[in-house]
Protein backbone atom coordinates (compact mmCIF):
# COMPACT_ATOMS: atom_id res chain seq x y z
CA UNK A 1 57.53 401.73 113.80
CA UNK A 2 59.29 402.41 110.52
CA UNK A 3 62.30 400.39 109.37
CA UNK A 4 64.84 403.08 110.23
CA UNK A 5 63.64 403.37 113.83
CA UNK A 6 63.39 399.60 114.13
CA UNK A 7 67.00 399.14 113.00
CA UNK A 8 68.14 401.93 115.32
CA UNK A 9 66.35 400.28 118.23
CA UNK A 10 67.97 396.92 117.38
CA UNK A 11 71.40 398.54 117.27
CA UNK A 12 70.86 400.24 120.62
CA UNK A 13 69.68 397.01 122.24
CA UNK A 14 72.73 395.16 120.90
CA UNK A 15 75.03 397.87 122.30
CA UNK A 16 73.29 397.72 125.69
CA UNK A 17 73.65 393.93 125.74
CA UNK A 18 77.35 394.10 124.80
CA UNK A 19 77.95 396.74 127.49
CA UNK A 20 77.01 394.23 130.21
CA UNK A 21 80.12 392.14 129.53
CA UNK A 22 83.08 392.97 131.76
CA UNK A 23 85.57 390.97 129.64
CA UNK A 24 86.47 388.50 132.40
CA UNK A 25 87.15 385.64 129.95
CA UNK A 26 85.23 383.10 132.05
CA UNK A 27 82.87 382.07 129.25
CA UNK A 28 85.92 381.64 126.99
CA UNK A 29 87.55 379.03 129.23
CA UNK A 30 90.00 381.22 131.14
CA UNK A 31 89.09 379.71 134.53
CA UNK A 32 89.69 376.22 133.12
CA UNK A 33 93.26 377.19 132.15
CA UNK A 34 92.52 376.13 128.56
CA UNK A 35 90.86 379.17 126.99
CA UNK A 36 89.84 379.69 123.41
CA UNK A 37 92.81 380.22 121.13
CA UNK A 38 91.31 383.61 120.21
CA UNK A 39 91.18 384.96 123.77
CA UNK A 40 93.74 387.72 124.33
CA UNK A 41 94.59 389.79 127.39
CA UNK A 42 93.94 393.50 127.18
CA UNK A 43 97.10 395.54 126.80
CA UNK A 44 95.54 398.47 128.63
CA UNK A 45 93.36 396.95 131.37
CA UNK A 46 94.65 394.33 133.77
CA UNK A 47 92.35 391.33 134.17
CA UNK A 48 90.37 392.11 131.01
CA UNK A 49 90.29 389.95 127.90
CA UNK A 50 88.97 390.16 124.37
CA UNK A 51 88.33 387.89 121.40
CA UNK A 52 90.79 388.43 118.57
CA UNK A 53 88.18 387.14 116.08
CA UNK A 54 85.01 388.58 117.62
CA UNK A 55 83.12 388.96 114.35
CA UNK A 56 83.54 385.23 113.64
CA UNK A 57 83.40 384.00 117.25
CA UNK A 58 80.39 381.68 116.92
CA UNK A 59 80.93 378.18 115.65
CA UNK A 60 83.76 375.66 115.85
CA UNK A 61 87.03 376.71 117.49
CA UNK A 62 89.90 375.24 119.47
CA UNK A 63 91.37 375.94 122.87
CA UNK A 64 95.05 376.78 123.33
CA UNK A 65 95.64 373.08 124.08
CA UNK A 66 93.82 371.96 120.92
CA UNK A 67 90.47 370.87 122.34
CA UNK A 68 87.60 371.44 119.88
CA UNK A 69 84.47 373.26 121.03
CA UNK A 70 81.56 375.25 119.65
CA UNK A 71 81.37 378.91 120.68
CA UNK A 72 77.74 379.90 121.28
CA UNK A 73 75.98 383.14 122.25
CA UNK A 74 76.14 383.74 126.00
CA UNK A 75 72.34 383.69 126.15
CA UNK A 76 72.48 379.99 125.19
CA UNK A 77 74.48 379.10 128.32
CA UNK A 78 73.28 381.77 130.73
CA UNK A 79 71.37 379.24 132.85
CA UNK A 80 74.18 376.68 132.83
CA UNK A 81 77.24 376.48 135.04
CA UNK A 82 80.88 376.57 133.97
CA UNK A 83 84.16 377.18 135.79
CA UNK A 84 84.43 380.86 136.65
CA UNK A 85 80.81 381.66 135.85
CA UNK A 86 80.44 383.54 139.14
CA UNK A 87 82.56 386.30 137.54
CA UNK A 88 80.25 386.61 134.52
CA UNK A 89 78.46 389.96 134.49
CA UNK A 90 75.66 388.52 132.37
CA UNK A 91 74.93 385.91 135.04
CA UNK A 92 75.17 388.51 137.81
CA UNK A 93 72.68 390.70 135.91
CA UNK A 94 70.52 387.86 134.62
CA UNK A 95 67.31 389.42 135.91
CA UNK A 96 68.06 392.59 133.92
CA UNK A 97 69.06 390.89 130.66
CA UNK A 98 65.67 389.38 129.87
CA UNK A 99 67.07 385.85 130.07
CA UNK A 100 65.69 384.31 133.22
CA UNK A 101 65.48 380.70 134.38
């Protein structure tokens, strides 16, 4: 596979992975009532949320109440439990994401 096709395939896989998310906010602390300070409600879709600093989402952040935490890729916590994780589309589709227990 040449570099162009490889990069295209990587881009397509990333888009497919991102498309799984249903923007429930559970992995961002919404169910704990102390979400990430960057979590925002959608203005167009009720019950949907987005990260206002998505490009820089990984790494140290704070919740709206000031608690420090480290934001990690969802694949790093896919096999863990957190409040509201039953809403997470990645967890519901775990067998199709390639990240199994």
